């Protein structure tokens, strides 16, 4: 995790080069497309990304999570290195210009599952599913606000619940308030997100140390070159805890894109919030309909 500062430094040196400020119209394009999409209410919009990854290899599967649950286990590890990963995520505009302000209200939902489809000894179970409903309000500026060569185009306030639907020792959940912004520098989109964990009552906390591993926020950096789309998610907890997630996608057919995701660190799932994950996954994602033409996943609203 010590390399995070170096990675961020290199990226920002590139971002702050003179050529990075050449495309002021890129921000205006994002705002224009966003306003077009929210002309109608109750339309499902992209949110955190929808994808199917038939091959997900993790060289450090978390079997400690199930220690003591399966007695006299004769079937081997419940979690094997190879599995599939599936995510379905969408948001919906529920109200425009709430209380006659420039703010719009949205609800979002994400269903993120890890499927041990290659583990026949345990009847190919879904080992973990994270359920993530949220509500947020968003302000998108009519014109980008430019500060030191950076276009500020939007920011959100929201509340999110995340749980894995398990009981007792297997249960993991937390609730957060968050603030997120969207900034554009050239062809880069930066989305810093800061959160406050809402404390659980009394001694009912399912995971009291989750903040140590997940920290108090994250930074997503997105970039596209032609039809190639890249993103880097960085998160820092206490000590050396943290995570880096890199994704790459390229058009495959119609509205499908080839999709690759690599993770190193903590918090890949609620089950693995305190287990270091080193994984590489391959599959396909659904085209982000939030944008067309020049801009894709970096559009306003991509999480």
Protein backbone atom coordinates (compact mmCIF):
# COMPACT_ATOMS: atom_id res chain seq x y z
CA UNK A 1 0.00 0.00 0.00
CA UNK A 2 3.01 2.29 0.37
CA UNK A 3 3.09 2.79 -3.41
CA UNK A 4 -0.23 4.70 -3.45
CA UNK A 5 1.39 8.09 -2.90
CA UNK A 6 3.81 7.43 -5.75
CA UNK A 7 1.00 6.33 -8.10
CA UNK A 8 -1.12 9.38 -7.29
CA UNK A 9 1.87 11.70 -7.71
CA UNK A 10 2.70 10.32 -11.17
CA UNK A 11 -0.93 10.57 -12.28
CA UNK A 12 -1.29 14.14 -11.12
CA UNK A 13 1.96 15.21 -12.76
CA UNK A 14 0.48 13.94 -16.02
CA UNK A 15 -2.90 15.50 -15.28
CA UNK A 16 -1.40 18.92 -14.60
CA UNK A 17 0.63 19.06 -17.78
CA UNK A 18 -0.33 21.94 -20.14
CA UNK A 19 -1.91 19.58 -22.70
CA UNK A 20 -4.37 18.37 -20.07
CA UNK A 21 -6.26 21.66 -20.16
CA UNK A 22 -6.93 21.69 -23.89
CA UNK A 23 -10.45 20.27 -23.89
CA UNK A 24 -12.76 22.57 -21.98
CA UNK A 25 -15.66 21.41 -24.19
CA UNK A 26 -15.37 17.91 -22.74
CA UNK A 27 -16.93 19.11 -19.47
CA UNK A 28 -19.70 20.87 -21.35
CA UNK A 29 -20.38 17.67 -23.30
CA UNK A 30 -20.81 15.70 -20.07
CA UNK A 31 -23.24 18.25 -18.67
CA UNK A 32 -25.23 18.35 -21.91
CA UNK A 33 -25.59 14.57 -22.03
CA UNK A 34 -26.55 14.38 -18.36
CA UNK A 35 -29.32 16.97 -18.76
CA UNK A 36 -30.65 15.12 -21.79
CA UNK A 37 -30.87 11.86 -19.87
CA UNK A 38 -32.86 13.27 -16.94
CA UNK A 39 -35.59 14.80 -19.04
CA UNK A 40 -37.81 11.87 -18.05
CA UNK A 41 -38.36 10.42 -14.58
CA UNK A 42 -38.45 6.71 -13.69
CA UNK A 43 -35.94 5.66 -16.35
CA UNK A 44 -33.22 3.24 -15.24
CA UNK A 45 -29.80 4.86 -15.53
CA UNK A 46 -26.33 3.32 -15.15
CA UNK A 47 -24.93 3.60 -11.65
CA UNK A 48 -21.89 1.62 -10.43
CA UNK A 49 -21.51 -0.50 -13.56
CA UNK A 50 -23.16 -3.71 -14.80
CA UNK A 51 -20.93 -6.60 -15.82
CA UNK A 52 -20.47 -10.38 -15.95
CA UNK A 53 -16.98 -11.75 -15.30
CA UNK A 54 -16.96 -15.54 -15.91
CA UNK A 55 -13.34 -15.83 -14.80
CA UNK A 56 -12.17 -14.24 -11.56
CA UNK A 57 -8.92 -15.55 -10.12
CA UNK A 58 -7.94 -14.67 -6.54
CA UNK A 59 -4.64 -15.97 -5.18
CA UNK A 60 -5.71 -15.35 -1.55
CA UNK A 61 -9.27 -16.71 -1.10
CA UNK A 62 -10.81 -16.02 2.30
CA UNK A 63 -11.66 -19.35 3.92
CA UNK A 64 -11.15 -17.97 7.42
CA UNK A 65 -14.57 -16.38 7.08
CA UNK A 66 -16.13 -19.85 7.31
CA UNK A 67 -13.93 -21.39 10.00
CA UNK A 68 -16.11 -22.90 12.71
CA UNK A 69 -19.21 -22.78 10.49
CA UNK A 70 -18.65 -26.13 8.74
CA UNK A 71 -17.76 -28.86 11.22
CA UNK A 72 -16.08 -32.08 10.09
CA UNK A 73 -15.61 -30.64 6.62
CA UNK A 74 -14.84 -33.42 4.15
CA UNK A 75 -15.38 -31.45 0.95
CA UNK A 76 -12.35 -29.19 0.92
CA UNK A 77 -12.20 -25.40 0.80
CA UNK A 78 -15.51 -23.62 0.48
CA UNK A 79 -13.82 -20.72 -1.34
CA UNK A 80 -11.66 -21.74 -4.31
CA UNK A 81 -9.34 -19.39 -6.25
CA UNK A 82 -11.47 -19.44 -9.43
CA UNK A 83 -15.02 -18.10 -9.43
CA UNK A 84 -17.36 -15.82 -11.40
CA UNK A 85 -18.38 -12.28 -10.50
CA UNK A 86 -21.62 -10.54 -11.46
CA UNK A 87 -22.82 -7.00 -10.79
CA UNK A 88 -26.12 -5.34 -11.71
CA UNK A 89 -26.42 -1.66 -10.84
CA UNK A 90 -28.83 1.13 -11.75
CA UNK A 91 -30.18 4.45 -10.50
CA UNK A 92 -33.44 6.32 -11.06
CA UNK A 93 -34.36 9.97 -10.98
CA UNK A 94 -37.23 10.42 -8.52
CA UNK A 95 -37.57 14.21 -8.36
CA UNK A 96 -36.21 17.18 -10.28
CA UNK A 97 -35.50 20.59 -8.75
CA UNK A 98 -36.57 19.52 -5.27
CA UNK A 99 -38.06 22.39 -3.26
CA UNK A 100 -37.48 24.58 -6.35
CA UNK A 101 -33.69 24.24 -6.07
CA UNK A 102 -31.11 23.08 -8.66
CA UNK A 103 -30.88 19.72 -6.86
CA UNK A 104 -32.24 16.45 -8.29
CA UNK A 105 -33.05 13.37 -6.18
CA UNK A 106 -32.08 9.80 -7.13
CA UNK A 107 -32.36 6.29 -5.74
CA UNK A 108 -29.78 3.69 -6.66
CA UNK A 109 -29.39 -0.05 -6.21
CA UNK A 110 -26.47 -2.42 -6.75
CA UNK A 111 -26.43 -6.22 -6.48
CA UNK A 112 -22.85 -7.55 -6.47
CA UNK A 113 -22.29 -11.32 -6.32
CA UNK A 114 -19.37 -13.74 -6.25
CA UNK A 115 -20.27 -17.22 -7.55
CA UNK A 116 -18.18 -20.34 -6.88
CA UNK A 117 -19.43 -21.80 -10.15
CA UNK A 118 -16.34 -24.02 -10.54
CA UNK A 119 -16.65 -25.54 -7.05
CA UNK A 120 -18.67 -28.71 -7.67
CA UNK A 121 -17.76 -30.17 -4.25
CA UNK A 122 -19.98 -27.54 -2.63
CA UNK A 123 -22.72 -27.53 -5.34
CA UNK A 124 -21.45 -24.32 -6.95
CA UNK A 125 -22.78 -21.82 -4.36
CA UNK A 126 -22.96 -18.05 -4.44
CA UNK A 127 -20.46 -17.45 -1.64
CA UNK A 128 -21.23 -13.74 -1.17
CA UNK A 129 -23.72 -11.14 -2.37
CA UNK A 130 -23.56 -7.48 -1.36
CA UNK A 131 -26.80 -5.49 -1.49
CA UNK A 132 -26.34 -1.73 -1.82
CA UNK A 133 -29.41 0.55 -1.86
CA UNK A 134 -28.80 4.28 -1.65
CA UNK A 135 -30.44 7.67 -1.93
CA UNK A 136 -28.67 10.83 -3.03
CA UNK A 137 -29.25 14.36 -4.27
CA UNK A 138 -27.13 15.82 -7.08
CA UNK A 139 -26.27 19.30 -8.25
CA UNK A 140 -24.93 19.63 -11.80
CA UNK A 141 -23.80 23.12 -12.77
CA UNK A 142 -25.21 24.70 -15.94
CA UNK A 143 -21.68 25.69 -16.86
CA UNK A 144 -18.45 24.13 -15.54
CA UNK A 145 -16.79 26.07 -12.75
CA UNK A 146 -13.12 26.36 -13.62
CA UNK A 147 -10.53 26.55 -10.84
CA UNK A 148 -6.78 26.25 -11.57
CA UNK A 149 -7.44 24.47 -14.85
CA UNK A 150 -9.92 22.05 -13.30
CA UNK A 151 -13.61 21.95 -14.28
CA UNK A 152 -15.99 21.34 -11.39
CA UNK A 153 -19.18 19.99 -12.92
CA UNK A 154 -21.19 18.27 -10.15
CA UNK A 155 -21.38 17.09 -6.56
CA UNK A 156 -23.64 14.76 -4.55
CA UNK A 157 -24.82 14.18 -1.01
CA UNK A 158 -26.14 10.73 -0.18
CA UNK A 159 -26.83 7.93 2.25
CA UNK A 160 -26.00 4.30 1.48
CA UNK A 161 -26.64 0.96 3.18
CA UNK A 162 -24.49 -2.06 2.37
CA UNK A 163 -24.98 -5.59 3.71
CA UNK A 164 -24.43 -9.21 2.72
CA UNK A 165 -27.76 -10.60 3.93
CA UNK A 166 -26.15 -13.11 6.29
CA UNK A 167 -26.90 -13.74 9.96
CA UNK A 168 -24.87 -13.92 13.15
CA UNK A 169 -21.13 -14.53 12.63
CA UNK A 170 -21.42 -14.27 8.84
CA UNK A 171 -23.27 -10.95 8.86
CA UNK A 172 -21.53 -7.85 7.49
CA UNK A 173 -23.19 -4.44 7.09
CA UNK A 174 -22.64 -0.70 7.47
CA UNK A 175 -24.40 2.58 6.79
CA UNK A 176 -22.75 5.77 5.57
CA UNK A 177 -23.39 9.40 4.69
CA UNK A 178 -21.25 10.59 1.80
CA UNK A 179 -20.16 13.59 -0.24
CA UNK A 180 -18.89 13.06 -3.80
CA UNK A 181 -17.65 15.47 -6.44
CA UNK A 182 -16.97 15.23 -10.18
CA UNK A 183 -14.03 17.10 -11.67
CA UNK A 184 -12.64 17.10 -15.21
CA UNK A 185 -9.07 17.83 -16.27
CA UNK A 186 -8.60 17.39 -20.00
CA UNK A 187 -9.75 13.83 -20.80
CA UNK A 188 -9.52 12.76 -17.17
CA UNK A 189 -12.46 12.57 -14.79
CA UNK A 190 -11.76 12.63 -11.04
CA UNK A 191 -14.38 11.63 -8.51
CA UNK A 192 -13.31 11.94 -4.87
CA UNK A 193 -15.77 10.53 -2.35
CA UNK A 194 -15.74 11.09 1.43
CA UNK A 195 -17.96 9.27 3.90
CA UNK A 196 -19.00 9.17 7.52
CA UNK A 197 -20.01 5.84 8.98
CA UNK A 198 -23.27 5.96 10.94
CA UNK A 199 -22.51 4.12 14.21
CA UNK A 200 -24.43 0.95 15.01
CA UNK A 201 -26.36 0.93 18.26
CA UNK A 202 -24.86 -0.66 21.35
CA UNK A 203 -22.98 -3.93 20.87
CA UNK A 204 -24.76 -4.89 17.63
CA UNK A 205 -21.89 -3.84 15.33
CA UNK A 206 -21.27 -6.63 12.77
CA UNK A 207 -17.81 -5.33 11.86
CA UNK A 208 -16.44 -2.74 14.30
CA UNK A 209 -13.04 -2.53 12.56
CA UNK A 210 -14.32 -1.97 9.01
CA UNK A 211 -13.34 1.73 9.06
CA UNK A 212 -9.72 0.74 9.77
CA UNK A 213 -9.62 -1.13 6.45
CA UNK A 214 -11.97 0.96 4.32
CA UNK A 215 -10.88 4.37 5.55
CA UNK A 216 -12.91 7.55 5.18
CA UNK A 217 -13.12 7.89 1.42
CA UNK A 218 -11.81 6.96 -2.01
CA UNK A 219 -10.67 8.50 -5.27
CA UNK A 220 -11.68 7.28 -8.72
CA UNK A 221 -9.70 8.47 -11.74
CA UNK A 222 -11.12 7.71 -15.19
CA UNK A 223 -9.55 8.22 -18.58
CA UNK A 224 -10.34 7.32 -22.16
CA UNK A 225 -8.21 7.17 -25.26
CA UNK A 226 -10.30 6.60 -28.35
CA UNK A 227 -12.49 3.59 -27.56
CA UNK A 228 -10.25 2.45 -24.70
CA UNK A 229 -11.53 3.24 -21.22
CA UNK A 230 -9.46 3.06 -18.04
CA UNK A 231 -10.21 3.70 -14.40
CA UNK A 232 -8.23 3.56 -11.17
CA UNK A 233 -9.86 3.45 -7.73
CA UNK A 234 -7.69 4.22 -4.69
CA UNK A 235 -8.66 3.81 -1.05
CA UNK A 236 -6.53 4.17 2.11
CA UNK A 237 -7.26 2.88 5.60
CA UNK A 238 -5.14 2.78 8.73
CA UNK A 239 -1.58 1.41 8.77
CA UNK A 240 -0.89 -0.26 5.41
CA UNK A 241 -4.55 -1.13 4.81
CA UNK A 242 -6.06 0.13 1.59
CA UNK A 243 -6.89 -0.95 -1.94
CA UNK A 244 -6.22 -0.24 -5.59
CA UNK A 245 -8.66 -1.33 -8.31
CA UNK A 246 -7.82 -0.98 -12.00
CA UNK A 247 -10.31 -1.55 -14.82
CA UNK A 248 -10.04 -1.53 -18.59
CA UNK A 249 -12.72 -1.92 -21.25
CA UNK A 250 -12.96 -1.95 -25.03
CA UNK A 251 -15.97 -2.36 -27.41
CA UNK A 252 -16.77 -5.98 -28.20
CA UNK A 253 -20.17 -6.15 -29.94
CA UNK A 254 -23.23 -3.91 -29.99
CA UNK A 255 -23.61 -2.61 -26.42
CA UNK A 256 -21.12 -5.05 -24.89
CA UNK A 257 -17.57 -4.21 -23.93
CA UNK A 258 -14.64 -6.47 -23.09
CA UNK A 259 -13.95 -5.77 -19.40
CA UNK A 260 -10.96 -6.48 -17.18
CA UNK A 261 -10.69 -5.75 -13.46
CA UNK A 262 -7.66 -6.16 -11.18
CA UNK A 263 -7.74 -5.61 -7.39
CA UNK A 264 -5.03 -5.53 -4.77
CA UNK A 265 -5.99 -4.72 -1.21
CA UNK A 266 -8.81 -4.82 1.29
CA UNK A 267 -12.55 -4.34 0.88
CA UNK A 268 -13.19 -6.18 -2.40
CA UNK A 269 -16.42 -7.35 -0.74
CA UNK A 270 -17.94 -7.06 2.72
CA UNK A 271 -16.83 -10.62 3.39
CA UNK A 272 -13.27 -9.61 2.51
CA UNK A 273 -13.10 -6.19 4.15
CA UNK A 274 -10.26 -7.44 6.40
CA UNK A 275 -8.76 -9.97 3.97
CA UNK A 276 -6.14 -8.89 1.42
CA UNK A 277 -7.40 -9.67 -2.08
CA UNK A 278 -5.16 -10.07 -5.11
CA UNK A 279 -7.43 -10.84 -8.05
CA UNK A 280 -7.75 -10.56 -11.82
CA UNK A 281 -11.13 -10.89 -13.54
CA UNK A 282 -12.13 -11.02 -17.22
CA UNK A 283 -15.52 -10.75 -18.89
CA UNK A 284 -17.95 -8.25 -20.36
CA UNK A 285 -19.72 -5.10 -19.27
CA UNK A 286 -22.82 -3.40 -20.62
CA UNK A 287 -22.11 -0.13 -22.44
CA UNK A 288 -22.58 2.88 -20.18
CA UNK A 289 -25.60 4.58 -21.71
CA UNK A 290 -24.91 7.72 -19.71
CA UNK A 291 -22.74 8.87 -22.57
CA UNK A 292 -22.40 8.63 -26.32
CA UNK A 293 -19.82 9.74 -28.79
CA UNK A 294 -16.68 11.09 -27.17
CA UNK A 295 -17.55 10.45 -23.53
CA UNK A 296 -18.36 7.08 -21.99
CA UNK A 297 -17.85 5.90 -18.42
CA UNK A 298 -16.48 9.25 -17.33
CA UNK A 299 -19.87 10.90 -17.64
CA UNK A 300 -21.60 12.58 -14.71
CA UNK A 301 -23.18 9.96 -12.52
CA UNK A 302 -20.77 7.09 -13.11
CA UNK A 303 -19.77 5.83 -9.68
